[in-house]
PDB file of N, CA and C in Angstrom:
ATOM      1  N   UNK A   1      86.340  82.414 123.356  1.00  0.00           N
ATOM      2  CA  UNK A   1      85.731  82.983 123.812  1.00  0.00           C
ATOM      3  C   UNK A   1      85.324  82.382 124.770  1.00  0.00           C
ATOM      4  N   UNK A   2      84.833  83.382 125.723  1.00  0.00           N
ATOM      5  CA  UNK A   2      83.984  82.670 127.491  1.00  0.00           C
ATOM      6  C   UNK A   2      82.435  82.526 126.671  1.00  0.00           C
ATOM      7  N   UNK A   3      81.627  81.363 127.028  1.00  0.00           N
ATOM      8  CA  UNK A   3      80.311  81.024 126.953  1.00  0.00           C
ATOM      9  C   UNK A   3      79.560  82.269 127.425  1.00  0.00           C
ATOM     10  N   UNK A   4      79.665  82.958 128.133  1.00  0.00           N
ATOM     11  CA  UNK A   4      78.501  84.377 128.395  1.00  0.00           C
ATOM     12  C   UNK A   4      78.722  85.061 127.708  1.00  0.00           C
ATOM     13  N   UNK A   5      80.156  85.105 127.394  1.00  0.00           N
ATOM     14  CA  UNK A   5      80.665  86.639 126.041  1.00  0.00           C
ATOM     15  C   UNK A   5      79.479  86.056 124.711  1.00  0.00           C
ATOM     16  N   UNK A   6      79.967  84.746 124.244  1.00  0.00           N
ATOM     17  CA  UNK A   6      79.159  84.124 123.217  1.00  0.00           C
ATOM     18  C   UNK A   6      77.674  84.783 123.156  1.00  0.00           C
ATOM     19  N   UNK A   7      77.016  83.949 124.651  1.00  0.00           N
ATOM     20  CA  UNK A   7      75.953  84.007 124.726  1.00  0.00           C
ATOM     21  C   UNK A   7      75.172  85.390 124.592  1.00  0.00           C
ATOM     22  N   UNK A   8      76.030  86.151 125.097  1.00  0.00           N
ATOM     23  CA  UNK A   8      75.202  87.926 125.052  1.00  0.00           C
ATOM     24  C   UNK A   8      75.301  88.312 124.203  1.00  0.00           C
ATOM     25  N   UNK A   9      76.864  87.991 123.088  1.00  0.00           N
ATOM     26  CA  UNK A   9      76.672  88.576 121.639  1.00  0.00           C
ATOM     27  C   UNK A   9      75.723  87.847 120.538  1.00  0.00           C
ATOM     28  N   UNK A  10      75.098  86.636 121.047  1.00  0.00           N
ATOM     29  CA  UNK A  10      74.287  86.087 120.219  1.00  0.00           C
ATOM     30  C   UNK A  10      72.624  86.576 120.543  1.00  0.00           C
ATOM     31  N   UNK A  11      72.231  86.925 121.671  1.00  0.00           N
ATOM     32  CA  UNK A  11      71.363  87.530 122.260  1.00  0.00           C
ATOM     33  C   UNK A  11      71.193  88.982 121.731  1.00  0.00           C
ATOM     34  N   UNK A  12      72.496  89.712 121.576  1.00  0.00           N
ATOM     35  CA  UNK A  12      72.247  90.975 121.197  1.00  0.00           C
ATOM     36  C   UNK A  12      71.946  90.972 119.517  1.00  0.00           C
ATOM     37  N   UNK A  13      72.744  89.960 118.943  1.00  0.00           N
ATOM     38  CA  UNK A  13      72.675  89.929 117.427  1.00  0.00           C
ATOM     39  C   UNK A  13      71.184  89.465 117.265  1.00  0.00           C
ATOM     40  N   UNK A  14      70.422  88.720 118.214  1.00  0.00           N
ATOM     41  CA  UNK A  14      69.080  88.044 118.072  1.00  0.00           C
ATOM     42  C   UNK A  14      68.025  89.509 117.507  1.00  0.00           C
ATOM     43  N   UNK A  15      68.561  89.987 119.109  1.00  0.00           N
ATOM     44  CA  UNK A  15      67.625  90.921 118.769  1.00  0.00           C
ATOM     45  C   UNK A  15      67.888  92.397 117.746  1.00  0.00           C
ATOM     46  N   UNK A  16      68.759  92.087 116.928  1.00  0.00           N
ATOM     47  CA  UNK A  16      68.732  92.970 115.600  1.00  0.00           C
ATOM     48  C   UNK A  16      68.120  92.136 114.761  1.00  0.00           C
ATOM     49  N   UNK A  17      67.816  91.026 115.018  1.00  0.00           N
ATOM     50  CA  UNK A  17      67.364  90.454 113.809  1.00  0.00           C
ATOM     51  C   UNK A  17      68.331  90.111 113.073  1.00  0.00           C
ATOM     52  N   UNK A  18      69.474  89.397 113.153  1.00  0.00           N
ATOM     53  CA  UNK A  18      70.461  89.091 112.409  1.00  0.00           C
ATOM     54  C   UNK A  18      71.120  87.833 113.553  1.00  0.00           C
ATOM     55  N   UNK A  19      72.123  86.891 112.316  1.00  0.00           N
ATOM     56  CA  UNK A  19      72.837  85.825 113.518  1.00  0.00           C
ATOM     57  C   UNK A  19      74.300  86.808 113.649  1.00  0.00           C
ATOM     58  N   UNK A  20      75.100  86.086 114.656  1.00  0.00           N
ATOM     59  CA  UNK A  20      75.982  85.993 115.252  1.00  0.00           C
ATOM     60  C   UNK A  20      77.247  85.797 113.772  1.00  0.00           C
ATOM     61  N   UNK A  21      77.031  85.253 112.915  1.00  0.00           N
ATOM     62  CA  UNK A  21      78.042  84.934 112.066  1.00  0.00           C
ATOM     63  C   UNK A  21      77.839  86.284 110.995  1.00  0.00           C
ATOM     64  N   UNK A  22      76.567  86.714 110.793  1.00  0.00           N
ATOM     65  CA  UNK A  22      76.610  88.076 109.984  1.00  0.00           C
ATOM     66  C   UNK A  22      77.260  88.680 110.848  1.00  0.00           C
ATOM     67  N   UNK A  23      77.093  88.924 111.933  1.00  0.00           N
ATOM     68  CA  UNK A  23      77.602  90.147 112.878  1.00  0.00           C
ATOM     69  C   UNK A  23      79.412  90.524 112.416  1.00  0.00           C
ATOM     70  N   UNK A  24      79.958  88.761 112.722  1.00  0.00           N
ATOM     71  CA  UNK A  24      80.945  88.744 112.386  1.00  0.00           C
ATOM     72  C   UNK A  24      81.767  89.067 111.329  1.00  0.00           C
ATOM     73  N   UNK A  25      81.267  88.935 110.352  1.00  0.00           N
ATOM     74  CA  UNK A  25      81.247  89.077 108.879  1.00  0.00           C
ATOM     75  C   UNK A  25      81.254  90.433 108.683  1.00  0.00           C
ATOM     76  N   UNK A  26      80.371  90.925 108.893  1.00  0.00           N
ATOM     77  CA  UNK A  26      80.222  92.987 108.944  1.00  0.00           C
ATOM     78  C   UNK A  26      81.565  92.993 109.612  1.00  0.00           C
ATOM     79  N   UNK A  27      81.851  92.877 110.840  1.00  0.00           N
ATOM     80  CA  UNK A  27      83.003  93.223 111.706  1.00  0.00           C
ATOM     81  C   UNK A  27      84.436  93.060 111.403  1.00  0.00           C
ATOM     82  N   UNK A  28      84.667  91.779 110.266  1.00  0.00           N
ATOM     83  CA  UNK A  28      85.865  91.197 109.269  1.00  0.00           C
ATOM     84  C   UNK A  28      85.868  92.419 108.500  1.00  0.00           C
ATOM     85  N   UNK A  29      84.751  92.472 107.732  1.00  0.00           N
ATOM     86  CA  UNK A  29      84.957  93.173 106.482  1.00  0.00           C
ATOM     87  C   UNK A  29      85.056  94.665 106.786  1.00  0.00           C
ATOM     88  N   UNK A  30      84.684  95.226 107.879  1.00  0.00           N
ATOM     89  CA  UNK A  30      84.882  96.352 108.318  1.00  0.00           C
ATOM     90  C   UNK A  30      86.307  97.053 108.819  1.00  0.00           C
ATOM     91  N   UNK A  31      86.866  95.867 109.413  1.00  0.00           N
ATOM     92  CA  UNK A  31      88.015  95.609 109.838  1.00  0.00           C
ATOM     93  C   UNK A  31      89.354  95.724 108.921  1.00  0.00           C
ATOM     94  N   UNK A  32      89.210  94.653 108.277  1.00  0.00           N
ATOM     95  CA  UNK A  32      89.874  94.377 106.694  1.00  0.00           C
ATOM     96  C   UNK A  32      89.975  95.619 106.080  1.00  0.00           C
ATOM     97  N   UNK A  33      88.710  96.609 105.486  1.00  0.00           N
ATOM     98  CA  UNK A  33      88.646  97.607 104.737  1.00  0.00           C
ATOM     99  C   UNK A  33      89.624  98.868 105.802  1.00  0.00           C
ATOM    100  N   UNK A  34      89.358  99.043 106.644  1.00  0.00           N
ATOM    101  CA  UNK A  34      89.946  99.713 107.507  1.00  0.00           C
ATOM    102  C   UNK A  34      91.132 100.170 107.696  1.00  0.00           C
ATOM    103  N   UNK A  35      92.119  98.615 107.819  1.00  0.00           N
ATOM    104  CA  UNK A  35      93.400  98.374 107.721  1.00  0.00           C
ATOM    105  C   UNK A  35      94.217  98.779 106.615  1.00  0.00           C
ATOM    106  N   UNK A  36      93.296  98.420 105.596  1.00  0.00           N
ATOM    107  CA  UNK A  36      94.072  98.899 103.762  1.00  0.00           C
ATOM    108  C   UNK A  36      93.731 100.475 103.659  1.00  0.00           C
ATOM    109  N   UNK A  37      93.123 100.563 104.483  1.00  0.00           N
ATOM    110  CA  UNK A  37      92.590 102.154 104.200  1.00  0.00           C
ATOM    111  C   UNK A  37      93.745 102.983 104.953  1.00  0.00           C
ATOM    112  N   UNK A  38      93.999 102.593 106.071  1.00  0.00           N
ATOM    113  CA  UNK A  38      94.848 103.129 106.965  1.00  0.00           C
ATOM    114  C   UNK A  38      96.570 102.967 106.588  1.00  0.00           C
ATOM    115  N   UNK A  39      96.304 102.046 105.762  1.00  0.00           N
ATOM    116  CA  UNK A  39      97.679 101.900 104.770  1.00  0.00           C
ATOM    117  C   UNK A  39      98.016 102.765 103.690  1.00  0.00           C
ATOM    118  N   UNK A  40      97.316 102.774 103.361  1.00  0.00           N
ATOM    119  CA  UNK A  40      97.422 103.584 101.910  1.00  0.00           C
ATOM    120  C   UNK A  40      97.475 105.138 102.273  1.00  0.00           C
ATOM    121  N   UNK A  41      97.066 105.406 103.316  1.00  0.00           N
ATOM    122  CA  UNK A  41      96.978 107.127 104.245  1.00  0.00           C
ATOM    123  C   UNK A  41      98.052 107.369 104.537  1.00  0.00           C
ATOM    124  N   UNK A  42      98.647 106.294 105.355  1.00  0.00           N
ATOM    125  CA  UNK A  42      99.930 105.982 105.737  1.00  0.00           C
ATOM    126  C   UNK A  42     101.114 106.207 104.510  1.00  0.00           C
ATOM    127  N   UNK A  43     101.171 105.627 103.335  1.00  0.00           N
ATOM    128  CA  UNK A  43     101.619 105.010 102.164  1.00  0.00           C
ATOM    129  C   UNK A  43     101.581 106.837 101.273  1.00  0.00           C
ATOM    130  N   UNK A  44     100.458 107.514 101.372  1.00  0.00           N
ATOM    131  CA  UNK A  44     100.423 108.548 100.641  1.00  0.00           C
ATOM    132  C   UNK A  44     101.448 110.041 101.741  1.00  0.00           C
ATOM    133  N   UNK A  45     101.077 109.885 102.888  1.00  0.00           N
ATOM    134  CA  UNK A  45     101.710 110.939 104.164  1.00  0.00           C
ATOM    135  C   UNK A  45     103.391 110.301 103.855  1.00  0.00           C
ATOM    136  N   UNK A  46     104.000 109.297 103.553  1.00  0.00           N
ATOM    137  CA  UNK A  46     105.420 109.150 103.478  1.00  0.00           C
ATOM    138  C   UNK A  46     105.451 109.710 102.125  1.00  0.00           C
ATOM    139  N   UNK A  47     104.900 109.299 101.100  1.00  0.00           N
ATOM    140  CA  UNK A  47     104.940 109.730  99.571  1.00  0.00           C
ATOM    141  C   UNK A  47     105.062 111.597  99.641  1.00  0.00           C
ATOM    142  N   UNK A  48     104.186 112.182 100.611  1.00  0.00           N
ATOM    143  CA  UNK A  48     104.117 113.794 100.780  1.00  0.00           C
ATOM    144  C   UNK A  48     105.409 114.368 101.446  1.00  0.00           C
ATOM    145  N   UNK A  49     105.764 113.297 101.956  1.00  0.00           N
ATOM    146  CA  UNK A  49     107.160 113.833 102.940  1.00  0.00           C
ATOM    147  C   UNK A  49     108.084 113.616 102.226  1.00  0.00           C
ATOM    148  N   UNK A  50     108.477 112.438 101.467  1.00  0.00           N
ATOM    149  CA  UNK A  50     109.256 112.475 100.601  1.00  0.00           C
ATOM    150  C   UNK A  50     109.664 113.172  99.386  1.00  0.00           C
ATOM    151  N   UNK A  51     108.655 113.752  99.177  1.00  0.00           N
ATOM    152  CA  UNK A  51     108.316 115.147  97.998  1.00  0.00           C
ATOM    153  C   UNK A  51     108.957 116.238  98.505  1.00  0.00           C
ATOM    154  N   UNK A  52     108.586 116.487  99.539  1.00  0.00           N
ATOM    155  CA  UNK A  52     109.154 117.667 100.033  1.00  0.00           C
ATOM    156  C   UNK A  52     110.853 118.074 100.017  1.00  0.00           C
ATOM    157  N   UNK A  53     111.391 116.650 100.469  1.00  0.00           N
ATOM    158  CA  UNK A  53     112.786 116.443 100.369  1.00  0.00           C
ATOM    159  C   UNK A  53     113.704 116.514  99.164  1.00  0.00           C
ATOM    160  N   UNK A  54     114.233 118.383  99.374  1.00  0.00           N
ATOM    161  CA  UNK A  54     114.541 118.287  97.954  1.00  0.00           C
ATOM    162  C   UNK A  54     116.170 118.228  97.871  1.00  0.00           C
ATOM    163  N   UNK A  55     116.799 118.045  99.320  1.00  0.00           N
ATOM    164  CA  UNK A  55     118.184 117.580  99.330  1.00  0.00           C
ATOM    165  C   UNK A  55     118.541 117.152 100.306  1.00  0.00           C
ATOM    166  N   UNK A  56     119.312 116.031 100.101  1.00  0.00           N
ATOM    167  CA  UNK A  56     119.961 115.318 101.534  1.00  0.00           C
ATOM    168  C   UNK A  56     121.932 115.419 101.596  1.00  0.00           C
ATOM    169  N   UNK A  57     122.256 115.646 102.427  1.00  0.00           N
ATOM    170  CA  UNK A  57     123.620 115.300 102.554  1.00  0.00           C
ATOM    171  C   UNK A  57     124.305 114.937 104.124  1.00  0.00           C
ATOM    172  N   UNK A  58     124.931 113.831 103.722  1.00  0.00           N
ATOM    173  CA  UNK A  58     125.374 113.615 105.475  1.00  0.00           C
ATOM    174  C   UNK A  58     125.988 114.338 105.790  1.00  0.00           C
ATOM    175  N   UNK A  59     126.844 115.203 105.470  1.00  0.00           N
ATOM    176  CA  UNK A  59     127.841 116.360 106.014  1.00  0.00           C
ATOM    177  C   UNK A  59     126.559 117.546 106.462  1.00  0.00           C
ATOM    178  N   UNK A  60     125.447 117.175 106.227  1.00  0.00           N
ATOM    179  CA  UNK A  60     124.676 118.273 107.294  1.00  0.00           C
ATOM    180  C   UNK A  60     124.122 117.819 108.606  1.00  0.00           C
ATOM    181  N   UNK A  61     124.502 116.762 109.044  1.00  0.00           N
ATOM    182  CA  UNK A  61     124.240 115.540 110.075  1.00  0.00           C
ATOM    183  C   UNK A  61     124.656 116.210 111.192  1.00  0.00           C
ATOM    184  N   UNK A  62     124.486 116.447 112.553  1.00  0.00           N
ATOM    185  CA  UNK A  62     125.040 116.941 113.750  1.00  0.00           C
ATOM    186  C   UNK A  62     126.082 115.729 114.125  1.00  0.00           C
ATOM    187  N   UNK A  63     127.377 116.230 114.839  1.00  0.00           N
ATOM    188  CA  UNK A  63     128.197 115.453 115.315  1.00  0.00           C
ATOM    189  C   UNK A  63     127.909 114.453 116.605  1.00  0.00           C
ATOM    190  N   UNK A  64     128.721 113.646 117.135  1.00  0.00           N
ATOM    191  CA  UNK A  64     128.118 112.808 118.064  1.00  0.00           C
ATOM    192  C   UNK A  64     127.901 113.877 119.172  1.00  0.00           C
ATOM    193  N   UNK A  65     129.190 114.841 119.446  1.00  0.00           N
ATOM    194  CA  UNK A  65     129.112 115.701 120.469  1.00  0.00           C
ATOM    195  C   UNK A  65     128.010 116.476 120.410  1.00  0.00           C
ATOM    196  N   UNK A  66     127.477 117.026 119.147  1.00  0.00           N
ATOM    197  CA  UNK A  66     126.069 117.848 119.517  1.00  0.00           C
ATOM    198  C   UNK A  66     124.802 116.986 119.694  1.00  0.00           C
ATOM    199  N   UNK A  67     124.871 116.312 119.095  1.00  0.00           N
ATOM    200  CA  UNK A  67     123.659 115.261 119.491  1.00  0.00           C
ATOM    201  C   UNK A  67     123.150 114.655 120.901  1.00  0.00           C
ATOM    202  N   UNK A  68     124.465 114.820 121.578  1.00  0.00           N
ATOM    203  CA  UNK A  68     124.490 114.052 123.105  1.00  0.00           C
ATOM    204  C   UNK A  68     124.850 115.390 124.091  1.00  0.00           C
ATOM    205  N   UNK A  69     125.066 116.437 123.406  1.00  0.00           N
ATOM    206  CA  UNK A  69     124.950 117.617 124.369  1.00  0.00           C
ATOM    207  C   UNK A  69     123.644 118.234 125.340  1.00  0.00           C
ATOM    208  N   UNK A  70     123.709 118.550 126.561  1.00  0.00           N
ATOM    209  CA  UNK A  70     122.226 118.864 127.343  1.00  0.00           C
ATOM    210  C   UNK A  70     122.773 120.155 127.155  1.00  0.00           C
ATOM    211  N   UNK A  71     121.560 121.036 127.737  1.00  0.00           N
ATOM    212  CA  UNK A  71     121.035 122.446 127.903  1.00  0.00           C
ATOM    213  C   UNK A  71     122.585 122.972 128.926  1.00  0.00           C
ATOM    214  N   UNK A  72     122.225 121.778 130.390  1.00  0.00           N
ATOM    215  CA  UNK A  72     123.143 122.401 131.296  1.00  0.00           C
ATOM    216  C   UNK A  72     124.520 122.180 131.159  1.00  0.00           C
ATOM    217  N   UNK A  73     124.799 121.751 130.051  1.00  0.00           N
ATOM    218  CA  UNK A  73     127.005 121.744 129.816  1.00  0.00           C
ATOM    219  C   UNK A  73     127.029 122.635 129.130  1.00  0.00           C
ATOM    220  N   UNK A  74     128.480 122.740 129.320  1.00  0.00           N
ATOM    221  CA  UNK A  74     129.206 123.840 129.036  1.00  0.00           C
ATOM    222  C   UNK A  74     128.978 123.863 127.417  1.00  0.00           C
TER     223      UNK A  74
END
């Protein structure tokens, strides 16, 4: 971190009557919690999506020509 950024952050922390270490600690705690929450949210979405799949058959897949077919092609 460059010196100017460090000085500005330290000054702002002091104006809020706290230390820069406390600000960093709060930021990291929030950051870590948000990451866990996002992971759990995505896991719930995945499980819900999987629960909606009642059957899967490879035979239902499109063949290669259908996958690569363009609208302007015959």
